[in-house]
Protein backbone atom coordinates (compact mmCIF):
# COMPACT_ATOMS: atom_id res chain seq x y z
CA MET A 1 -31.71 -24.98 16.18
CA THR A 2 -33.68 -28.07 16.00
CA ARG A 3 -33.13 -30.76 13.52
CA PRO A 4 -34.89 -30.32 10.26
CA SER A 5 -37.96 -32.17 9.84
CA ARG A 6 -38.33 -34.88 7.50
CA ILE A 7 -34.65 -35.25 7.40
CA ARG A 8 -32.81 -38.59 8.24
CA PHE A 9 -29.09 -39.44 7.98
CA GLU A 10 -26.60 -42.53 7.98
CA ILE A 11 -23.21 -42.64 9.44
CA PHE A 12 -20.75 -45.00 7.73
CA ASN A 13 -17.02 -45.86 7.80
CA ARG A 14 -14.64 -45.56 4.68
CA PRO A 15 -10.98 -46.41 5.66
CA ASN A 16 -8.68 -44.42 3.91
CA VAL A 17 -5.66 -45.49 1.73
CA ALA A 18 -3.72 -45.95 5.02
CA GLY A 19 -6.42 -48.49 6.48
CA GLU A 20 -7.56 -46.03 9.16
CA ASP A 21 -11.09 -45.53 9.86
CA ARG A 22 -12.87 -42.37 8.55
CA TYR A 23 -16.47 -41.82 9.33
CA TYR A 24 -19.08 -40.15 6.78
CA VAL A 25 -22.85 -39.24 6.67
CA ARG A 26 -25.24 -39.35 4.12
CA PHE A 27 -28.31 -37.01 4.58
CA PHE A 28 -31.65 -38.08 3.12
CA ASP A 29 -35.15 -36.27 2.27
CA ALA A 30 -38.36 -37.69 3.36
CA SER A 31 -38.70 -39.51 0.20
CA GLY A 32 -35.38 -41.30 0.67
CA ASP A 33 -33.60 -38.99 -1.87
CA LEU A 34 -29.79 -38.50 -0.92
CA ILE A 35 -29.46 -34.58 -0.22
CA CYS A 36 -25.75 -34.79 0.26
CA THR A 37 -22.70 -36.82 1.89
CA ARG A 38 -20.12 -35.18 4.30
CA SER A 39 -16.85 -36.18 6.18
CA THR A 40 -17.27 -35.96 9.70
CA GLY A 41 -13.47 -35.47 10.11
CA THR A 42 -13.53 -38.08 12.79
CA SER A 43 -11.97 -41.90 13.23
CA THR A 44 -14.46 -43.06 15.88
CA LYS A 45 -18.30 -43.52 15.68
CA GLY A 46 -18.82 -41.74 19.01
CA GLU A 47 -17.14 -38.47 17.50
CA ALA A 48 -18.84 -39.11 14.36
CA SER A 49 -22.30 -38.69 16.35
CA GLU A 50 -20.86 -35.53 17.61
CA ALA A 51 -19.86 -34.08 14.26
CA VAL A 52 -23.39 -35.17 12.82
CA ALA A 53 -25.18 -33.19 15.25
CA GLN A 54 -23.17 -30.14 14.64
CA LEU A 55 -23.95 -30.50 10.78
CA LEU A 56 -27.63 -30.83 11.51
CA ARG A 57 -27.20 -27.39 13.24
CA THR A 58 -25.22 -25.91 10.27
CA LEU A 59 -26.09 -27.27 7.02
CA PRO A 60 -29.18 -26.05 5.23
CA LEU A 61 -30.28 -29.35 4.39
CA GLU A 62 -34.21 -28.54 3.81
CA ARG A 63 -33.01 -25.97 1.34
CA MET A 64 -30.68 -28.14 0.00
CA ALA A 65 -33.22 -30.86 -0.51
CA ARG A 66 -35.69 -28.04 -2.22
CA ALA A 67 -32.69 -27.05 -4.43
CA LYS A 68 -32.04 -30.67 -5.51
CA GLN A 69 -35.49 -30.94 -6.44
CA ALA A 70 -35.66 -27.87 -8.36
CA GLY A 71 -32.38 -28.47 -10.30
CA TYR A 72 -29.80 -26.37 -8.99
CA GLU A 73 -28.31 -28.20 -5.90
CA GLY A 74 -24.68 -28.28 -7.40
CA GLU A 75 -24.54 -24.32 -6.90
CA LEU A 76 -25.82 -24.69 -3.53
CA ASP A 77 -23.71 -27.60 -2.69
CA ALA A 78 -20.48 -25.55 -3.80
CA GLU A 79 -21.48 -22.76 -1.51
CA GLU A 80 -21.78 -25.18 1.51
CA LYS A 81 -18.58 -26.67 0.64
CA PHE A 82 -16.75 -23.28 0.06
CA LYS A 83 -17.99 -22.64 3.61
CA GLU A 84 -15.70 -25.64 4.68
CA THR A 85 -12.81 -24.22 3.31
CA PRO A 86 -9.83 -23.71 6.06
CA PHE A 87 -9.96 -19.89 6.47
CA ALA A 88 -6.14 -19.55 6.03
CA GLN A 89 -6.61 -21.22 2.59
CA PHE A 90 -9.34 -18.93 1.67
CA VAL A 91 -7.47 -15.85 2.57
CA ALA A 92 -4.50 -16.82 0.66
CA GLY A 93 -6.87 -17.63 -2.51
CA PHE A 94 -8.63 -14.27 -2.05
CA TRP A 95 -5.29 -12.20 -2.51
CA GLY A 96 -4.01 -14.89 -5.07
CA PRO A 97 -3.40 -14.59 -8.68
CA THR A 98 -6.77 -16.23 -9.38
CA SER A 99 -8.79 -14.19 -7.02
CA GLU A 100 -12.57 -13.83 -7.97
CA TYR A 101 -12.72 -10.51 -6.18
CA LEU A 102 -9.45 -9.16 -7.47
CA SER A 103 -10.49 -10.11 -11.10
CA SER A 104 -13.88 -8.36 -10.46
CA ARG A 105 -12.33 -5.19 -9.52
CA VAL A 106 -10.37 -5.04 -12.85
CA GLU A 107 -13.36 -5.66 -14.55
CA GLU A 108 -15.13 -2.85 -12.99
CA GLY A 109 -12.12 -0.55 -13.66
CA ARG A 110 -11.31 -0.18 -9.89
CA SER A 111 -8.24 -2.51 -9.88
CA LEU A 112 -6.05 -2.34 -6.80
CA SER A 113 -2.52 -1.55 -7.00
CA GLY A 114 0.03 -4.36 -7.63
CA GLN A 115 2.02 -3.04 -4.77
CA TYR A 116 -0.93 -3.10 -2.34
CA VAL A 117 -1.92 -6.66 -3.29
CA LYS A 118 1.82 -7.80 -3.08
CA ILE A 119 1.91 -6.51 0.66
CA GLN A 120 -1.48 -8.46 1.24
CA ARG A 121 0.25 -11.52 0.40
CA ARG A 122 3.20 -10.78 2.36
CA TYR A 123 0.97 -10.42 5.65
CA VAL A 124 -1.14 -13.61 4.65
CA GLU A 125 2.25 -15.34 4.46
CA ARG A 126 3.69 -14.03 7.76
CA PHE A 127 0.76 -13.82 9.93
CA ILE A 128 -2.11 -16.07 8.56
CA THR A 129 -1.16 -19.12 6.79
CA SER A 130 1.15 -20.04 9.58
CA SER A 131 -1.34 -19.12 12.26
CA ALA A 132 -2.08 -22.04 14.88
CA THR A 133 -5.44 -20.39 15.38
CA PHE A 134 -6.42 -20.22 11.63
CA LYS A 135 -4.81 -23.31 10.10
CA LYS A 136 -7.95 -25.75 11.54
CA ALA A 137 -10.58 -23.29 11.40
CA LYS A 138 -13.13 -23.18 8.55
CA LEU A 139 -14.39 -20.07 6.91
CA ARG A 140 -17.93 -20.55 8.25
CA ASP A 141 -16.61 -21.03 11.88
CA VAL A 142 -14.83 -17.55 11.90
CA THR A 143 -16.30 -15.33 14.78
CA LEU A 144 -15.07 -12.37 16.70
CA VAL A 145 -13.98 -14.37 19.16
CA LEU A 146 -11.65 -16.49 16.80
CA VAL A 147 -10.25 -13.15 15.44
CA GLU A 148 -9.32 -11.55 18.82
CA ARG A 149 -7.57 -15.07 19.82
CA TRP A 150 -5.59 -14.76 16.68
CA VAL A 151 -4.58 -10.93 17.42
CA ARG A 152 -3.45 -12.23 20.91
CA GLU A 153 -1.25 -15.21 19.00
CA ILE A 154 0.33 -12.44 16.77
CA LYS A 155 0.96 -10.13 19.50
CA ALA A 156 2.69 -13.02 21.78
CA GLY A 157 4.66 -13.30 18.74
CA GLY A 158 6.44 -9.83 18.85
CA ALA A 159 4.19 -7.99 16.51
CA ASN A 160 3.80 -4.46 17.61
CA GLY A 161 0.33 -2.26 16.97
CA ASN A 162 1.07 -1.18 13.51
CA LEU A 163 1.94 -4.78 12.33
CA VAL A 164 -1.30 -6.02 14.26
CA ASN A 165 -3.45 -3.59 12.49
CA ASP A 166 -1.97 -4.28 9.11
CA ALA A 167 -2.57 -7.77 9.63
CA LEU A 168 -6.16 -7.14 10.44
CA ASN A 169 -6.46 -5.14 7.33
CA CYS A 170 -5.56 -8.09 5.37
CA ILE A 171 -8.31 -10.16 6.47
CA ARG A 172 -11.02 -7.34 7.02
CA THR A 173 -11.75 -7.21 3.23
CA PRO A 174 -12.09 -10.93 2.78
CA LEU A 175 -14.40 -11.36 5.71
CA SER A 176 -16.55 -8.35 4.43
CA TRP A 177 -16.76 -10.20 1.03
CA ALA A 178 -17.47 -13.56 2.81
CA LYS A 179 -20.25 -11.85 5.16
CA LYS A 180 -22.06 -10.04 2.14
CA ARG A 181 -22.39 -14.00 0.64
CA ASN A 182 -23.82 -15.27 4.01
CA LEU A 183 -20.58 -17.58 4.02
CA LEU A 184 -20.24 -17.11 7.74
CA ASP A 185 -22.01 -18.93 10.48
CA GLU A 186 -22.31 -15.89 12.89
CA PRO A 187 -22.37 -12.19 11.88
CA LEU A 188 -18.92 -10.69 12.78
CA ASP A 189 -18.58 -6.83 12.89
CA PHE A 190 -14.92 -5.53 12.63
CA LYS A 191 -15.94 -2.35 14.70
CA ALA A 192 -16.22 -4.52 17.56
CA ILE A 193 -12.50 -5.49 17.56
CA SER A 194 -10.02 -3.48 19.89
CA HIS A 195 -7.32 -2.20 17.64
CA PRO A 196 -3.89 -1.91 19.30
CA LYS A 197 -2.72 1.74 19.48
CA GLU A 198 -0.23 2.41 16.52
CA LYS A 199 3.25 4.46 17.25
CA ASN A 200 3.35 6.92 14.01
CA ASN A 201 6.68 8.78 13.72
CA VAL A 202 5.79 12.40 12.83
CA ARG A 203 7.18 13.01 9.39
CA GLY A 204 10.07 15.49 9.37
CA VAL A 205 10.60 18.46 6.86
CA LEU A 206 13.38 20.45 5.80
CA THR A 207 13.79 23.97 6.75
CA ALA A 208 13.59 26.92 3.85
CA ASP A 209 17.46 27.42 4.25
CA GLU A 210 17.99 23.56 3.79
CA VAL A 211 15.99 23.62 0.64
CA ARG A 212 17.66 26.55 -0.44
CA LYS A 213 20.86 24.62 0.05
CA LEU A 214 19.54 21.82 -2.27
CA ILE A 215 18.66 24.51 -5.02
CA ASP A 216 22.14 25.89 -5.03
CA LEU A 217 23.95 22.28 -5.05
CA PRO A 218 26.18 22.10 -8.11
CA VAL A 219 25.65 18.84 -10.08
CA GLN A 220 28.07 16.76 -12.04
CA ALA A 221 27.86 16.30 -15.90
CA VAL A 222 26.93 13.21 -17.74
CA TRP A 223 29.61 11.22 -18.69
CA THR A 224 30.78 9.20 -21.93
CA PRO A 225 32.06 5.68 -21.42
CA LYS A 226 35.12 4.46 -23.33
CA THR A 227 33.09 2.07 -25.50
CA GLY A 228 34.11 3.57 -29.02
CA ASP A 229 30.71 4.46 -29.72
CA GLU A 230 31.16 8.07 -27.83
CA ILE A 231 27.27 7.81 -26.93
CA ALA A 232 26.80 9.67 -23.55
CA ARG A 233 25.10 8.25 -20.57
CA ALA A 234 22.20 10.02 -18.68
CA ASP A 235 23.81 9.60 -15.57
CA VAL A 236 27.17 10.51 -13.90
CA LYS A 237 30.27 8.50 -13.92
CA PRO A 238 30.72 6.46 -10.42
CA ARG A 239 33.34 6.71 -8.62
CA GLY A 240 36.25 3.96 -8.68
CA ARG A 241 36.56 1.17 -6.19
CA LEU A 242 39.58 1.68 -3.79
CA LYS A 243 41.61 -1.20 -3.12
CA GLY A 244 42.04 -3.00 0.15
CA GLY A 245 38.59 -2.48 1.12
CA LEU A 246 38.93 1.20 1.69
CA LYS A 247 35.80 3.38 0.73
CA ASN A 248 35.61 6.78 -0.81
CA ASP A 249 35.03 9.70 1.56
CA GLY A 250 32.04 11.64 1.59
CA PRO A 251 29.15 11.21 -0.72
CA ALA A 252 28.74 10.45 -4.30
CA PRO A 253 28.21 13.22 -6.69
CA LEU A 254 24.69 14.51 -7.74
CA ASP A 255 23.39 14.44 -11.24
CA LEU A 256 20.92 16.77 -12.50
CA ARG A 257 17.92 14.17 -13.00
CA MET A 258 18.46 13.58 -9.18
CA LYS A 259 18.24 17.28 -8.24
CA ALA A 260 15.26 17.96 -10.39
CA ALA A 261 13.38 15.04 -8.88
CA ILE A 262 14.24 16.43 -5.28
CA LEU A 263 12.84 19.97 -6.29
CA LEU A 264 9.66 18.59 -7.94
CA SER A 265 8.81 17.00 -4.61
CA GLU A 266 9.89 19.90 -2.55
CA LEU A 267 8.54 22.99 -4.64
CA ALA A 268 5.86 21.51 -6.42
CA GLY A 269 4.65 18.67 -4.05
CA LEU A 270 4.66 15.96 -6.51
CA ARG A 271 4.34 12.12 -5.10
CA ARG A 272 7.19 9.97 -5.97
CA GLY A 273 5.10 7.99 -8.41
CA GLU A 274 3.98 11.18 -10.11
CA ILE A 275 7.56 12.30 -10.59
CA ARG A 276 8.23 9.24 -12.03
CA GLY A 277 5.45 9.51 -14.52
CA LEU A 278 6.13 12.82 -15.41
CA ARG A 279 6.45 13.44 -19.04
CA TRP A 280 7.68 16.41 -21.12
CA GLN A 281 4.40 17.06 -22.56
CA SER A 282 2.92 17.82 -19.20
CA VAL A 283 5.70 20.57 -18.58
CA ASP A 284 4.05 23.92 -19.90
CA PHE A 285 7.07 26.26 -20.07
CA GLU A 286 5.35 29.11 -21.52
CA ASN A 287 2.76 29.26 -18.86
CA ARG A 288 4.99 27.77 -15.84
CA ILE A 289 2.40 25.03 -15.07
CA LEU A 290 3.11 21.20 -14.35
CA HIS A 291 0.10 19.12 -15.22
CA VAL A 292 0.12 16.04 -13.13
CA GLU A 293 -1.68 13.33 -15.36
CA GLU A 294 0.29 10.20 -14.42
CA ASN A 295 1.46 8.02 -11.69
CA VAL A 296 4.08 5.12 -11.77
CA VAL A 297 3.90 2.71 -8.89
CA PRO A 298 5.78 -0.64 -8.63
CA TYR A 299 4.28 -3.85 -10.07
CA ASP A 300 1.65 -1.61 -11.94
CA ALA A 301 1.40 -0.28 -15.53
CA PRO A 302 1.56 3.81 -15.60
CA LYS A 303 -1.63 5.22 -14.35
CA GLY A 304 -3.78 8.22 -13.08
CA PRO A 305 -2.46 9.74 -9.97
CA LYS A 306 -3.63 8.39 -6.58
CA ALA A 307 -7.10 8.82 -5.57
CA GLY A 308 -7.90 10.62 -8.62
CA SER A 309 -5.85 13.55 -7.80
CA ALA A 310 -4.72 14.83 -11.26
CA GLY A 311 -4.42 18.47 -11.28
CA THR A 312 -1.93 21.31 -12.26
CA VAL A 313 0.87 23.13 -10.08
CA PRO A 314 2.63 26.21 -10.49
CA ILE A 315 6.39 26.26 -11.32
CA SER A 316 8.32 28.51 -9.39
CA ASP A 317 11.26 30.46 -10.29
CA ASP A 318 14.04 28.10 -8.73
CA LEU A 319 12.19 24.95 -10.48
CA LEU A 320 11.82 26.52 -13.91
CA TYR A 321 15.58 27.02 -13.99
CA VAL A 322 16.39 23.34 -13.01
CA LEU A 323 13.46 21.95 -15.55
CA GLU A 324 15.06 24.26 -18.30
CA GLU A 325 18.66 22.81 -17.55
CA LEU A 326 17.10 19.20 -17.65
CA ARG A 327 15.42 20.22 -21.14
CA VAL A 328 18.84 21.23 -22.42
CA LEU A 329 20.37 17.85 -21.41
CA ALA A 330 17.47 15.78 -22.54
CA PHE A 331 17.33 17.32 -25.71
CA GLY A 332 21.23 16.47 -26.29
CA LEU A 333 20.60 12.88 -25.19
CA GLU A 334 17.74 12.67 -27.50
CA ARG A 335 15.26 12.36 -24.36
CA PHE A 336 12.86 15.39 -25.08
CA GLY A 337 10.00 13.69 -27.15
CA PRO A 338 6.44 14.75 -25.69
CA LYS A 339 6.16 11.09 -24.42
CA GLU A 340 9.67 11.03 -22.82
CA TYR A 341 10.17 10.71 -19.17
CA VAL A 342 11.26 14.08 -17.45
CA ILE A 343 13.47 12.40 -14.94
CA PHE A 344 14.62 9.81 -17.77
CA ASN A 345 16.36 6.62 -17.01
CA VAL A 346 19.53 5.22 -18.47
CA GLU A 347 17.49 2.92 -20.44
CA GLN A 348 15.36 4.96 -22.66
CA GLY A 349 11.39 4.48 -22.35
CA ILE A 350 11.62 3.23 -18.59
CA PRO A 351 10.52 5.06 -15.79
CA ILE A 352 13.38 6.03 -13.32
CA GLY A 353 13.39 3.65 -10.43
CA GLU A 354 12.35 4.30 -7.04
CA VAL A 355 15.72 3.19 -5.46
CA THR A 356 17.57 5.62 -7.61
CA ILE A 357 15.12 8.48 -6.28
CA LYS A 358 15.89 7.51 -2.84
CA ARG A 359 19.39 7.26 -2.98
CA GLY A 360 19.69 10.53 -4.89
CA PHE A 361 17.82 12.32 -2.21
CA GLU A 362 19.66 10.51 0.59
CA ARG A 363 22.98 11.71 -1.38
CA ALA A 364 21.66 15.48 -1.56
CA LEU A 365 21.26 15.44 2.10
CA GLU A 366 24.76 14.35 2.82
CA LEU A 367 26.06 17.15 0.31
CA ILE A 368 24.22 19.87 2.44
CA GLY A 369 25.58 18.34 5.73
CA ILE A 370 22.47 16.03 6.83
CA ASN A 371 24.25 12.76 7.61
CA GLU A 372 22.17 9.47 7.96
CA ALA A 373 22.08 9.51 11.77
CA THR A 374 20.48 13.28 11.65
CA ARG A 375 18.08 12.19 8.59
CA LYS A 376 16.69 9.25 10.53
CA SER A 377 16.37 11.24 13.81
CA ARG A 378 14.46 14.08 11.96
CA HIS A 379 12.41 11.24 10.08
CA LEU A 380 13.20 12.93 6.76
CA THR A 381 12.37 10.81 3.59
CA PHE A 382 11.76 11.78 0.08
CA HIS A 383 7.85 12.14 0.78
CA SER A 384 9.11 14.88 3.35
CA GLY A 385 9.15 17.14 0.53
CA ARG A 386 5.50 17.16 -0.11
CA HIS A 387 5.06 18.00 3.50
CA PHE A 388 7.37 21.13 2.84
CA PHE A 389 5.53 22.19 0.00
CA ALA A 390 2.06 22.07 1.93
CA THR A 391 3.32 23.52 5.00
CA ARG A 392 4.91 26.45 3.10
CA LEU A 393 1.74 26.98 0.95
CA ALA A 394 -0.35 26.75 3.91
CA ASP A 395 1.71 29.62 5.82
CA GLU A 396 1.79 31.88 2.47
CA ILE A 397 -1.54 31.59 0.76
CA GLY A 398 -3.95 29.71 3.28
CA PRO A 399 -5.16 26.00 3.68
CA ARG A 400 -7.77 26.53 1.48
CA ALA A 401 -5.72 27.40 -1.64
CA ALA A 402 -2.78 25.50 -0.82
CA ALA A 403 -5.19 22.34 -0.50
CA ARG A 404 -6.23 22.68 -4.11
CA LEU A 405 -2.71 22.64 -5.31
CA THR A 406 -1.54 19.66 -3.23
CA ARG A 407 -4.47 17.61 -4.58
CA HIS A 408 -5.56 16.20 -1.15
CA ARG A 409 -9.24 14.73 -1.30
CA SER A 410 -9.91 16.19 2.09
CA ALA A 411 -9.14 18.95 4.36
CA ALA A 412 -8.32 16.54 7.06
CA ALA A 413 -5.63 14.97 5.11
CA PHE A 414 -4.02 17.99 3.99
CA ASP A 415 -3.84 19.31 7.52
CA ARG A 416 -1.82 16.37 8.38
CA TYR A 417 0.73 17.34 5.52
CA ALA A 418 0.49 21.11 6.59
CA ALA A 419 0.64 20.78 10.59
CA HIS A 420 4.46 21.52 10.61
CA ASP A 421 6.05 24.53 12.48
CA THR A 422 8.56 26.23 10.49
CA PRO A 423 11.21 28.67 11.85
CA GLU A 424 9.32 31.27 9.89
CA ALA A 425 6.06 30.83 11.34
CA LEU A 426 7.45 30.60 14.98
CA ASP A 427 9.45 33.79 14.29
CA ARG A 428 6.18 35.63 13.19
CA ALA A 429 4.62 34.35 16.39
CA ARG A 430 7.10 35.77 18.46
CA ASP A 431 6.65 39.29 16.52
CA ALA A 432 3.07 38.97 17.24
CA MET A 433 3.51 38.50 20.98
CA ARG A 434 6.22 41.33 21.30
CA LEU A 435 4.09 43.95 23.23
CA PRO A 436 4.98 47.50 23.36
CA LYS A 437 6.15 49.10 26.97
CA ASN A 438 4.21 51.74 28.75
CA GLY A 439 4.28 54.83 26.68
CA GLY A 440 6.78 53.37 24.11
CA GLU A 441 7.09 51.57 20.85
CA THR A 442 7.48 47.63 20.65
CA LYS A 443 11.47 46.84 20.33
């Protein structure tokens, strides 16, 4: 790029508060009017001359001169200064509390979940603001080469493929936003970046026999603390602490709320946030239908289900029995209003905590003989219940009908949930391959 015509400049020194030399440059148009002033970021005149040569190549000086004559130089000057923002600072602000991007999504009714934004801020702190590569780089200077250097940097720091890809996703949206606004000096295509291979553990599922054991698990009744007011609590009495640092043997008892939460996952395929947001008005006992209408996730107010996946789910016999029991308990505790949560909290009107559900699931598995080591080796989590539901339905009523009940947006997404081999399906496969002997029947 050649030097803009009719543009002249003047380099000058302005010592800082410590008395150290700092060189700046003023740019003038053909008539001698000042266009803008910029710091060269240097302390010697020779270095300043090199910096000015770079500014002449990157600053749209003639456009800035025309903007000044037209009276909108402030907006253009602000844009150019924004390009000079350190990239780490730009990304931190992009995901920060005063983000223009996040505010615009709220105004458009497309707000991101608070949990997702919080996770992005963690990645910013861990991988970007502390990055040697990005600390010095300006927003306008970010290129494919720079991003790839940063990827090598965080790999060298011990990040595995999953973390590297998560970190890349943290800067993908900010850079796309900047690219659309012409804030980058060079075009950047994320498709050109080689993403590390991720290691994904296949989600485990319980067998039908294990789910039957969960259905048959006994539960402990709620308790009334000795407080003088004789008000029953919504949970079960905790086990007393043992002296001398000893621990109670075996898992803690299970309460009816936790059993219902687990079966809403295993037998109805509800996500954890949908279970937390389920209210009694959404349980149609007469027609045996659950209306999935609300989702509760950390750091957000209750909202619609994930990806607009509201819908209805049939209530099976085993789930109906537990929900009817829970309805009786809720009525006795004055928790059966239409707006009350089905899996109610000890504190009225507050959704049950995610940790409470997770703890209940792990406790229930211990009660049916699946200890912590086995649970981890089989990759069993609370969300495994949704996989069991999808797999069971796919085997019994076919993938297409099952996908409507799991409320997945695409067949590919459903397939990832239903692609589990069940003992029953393997038994049917064995039967199918049991061929008759010559002149005889299959045995």
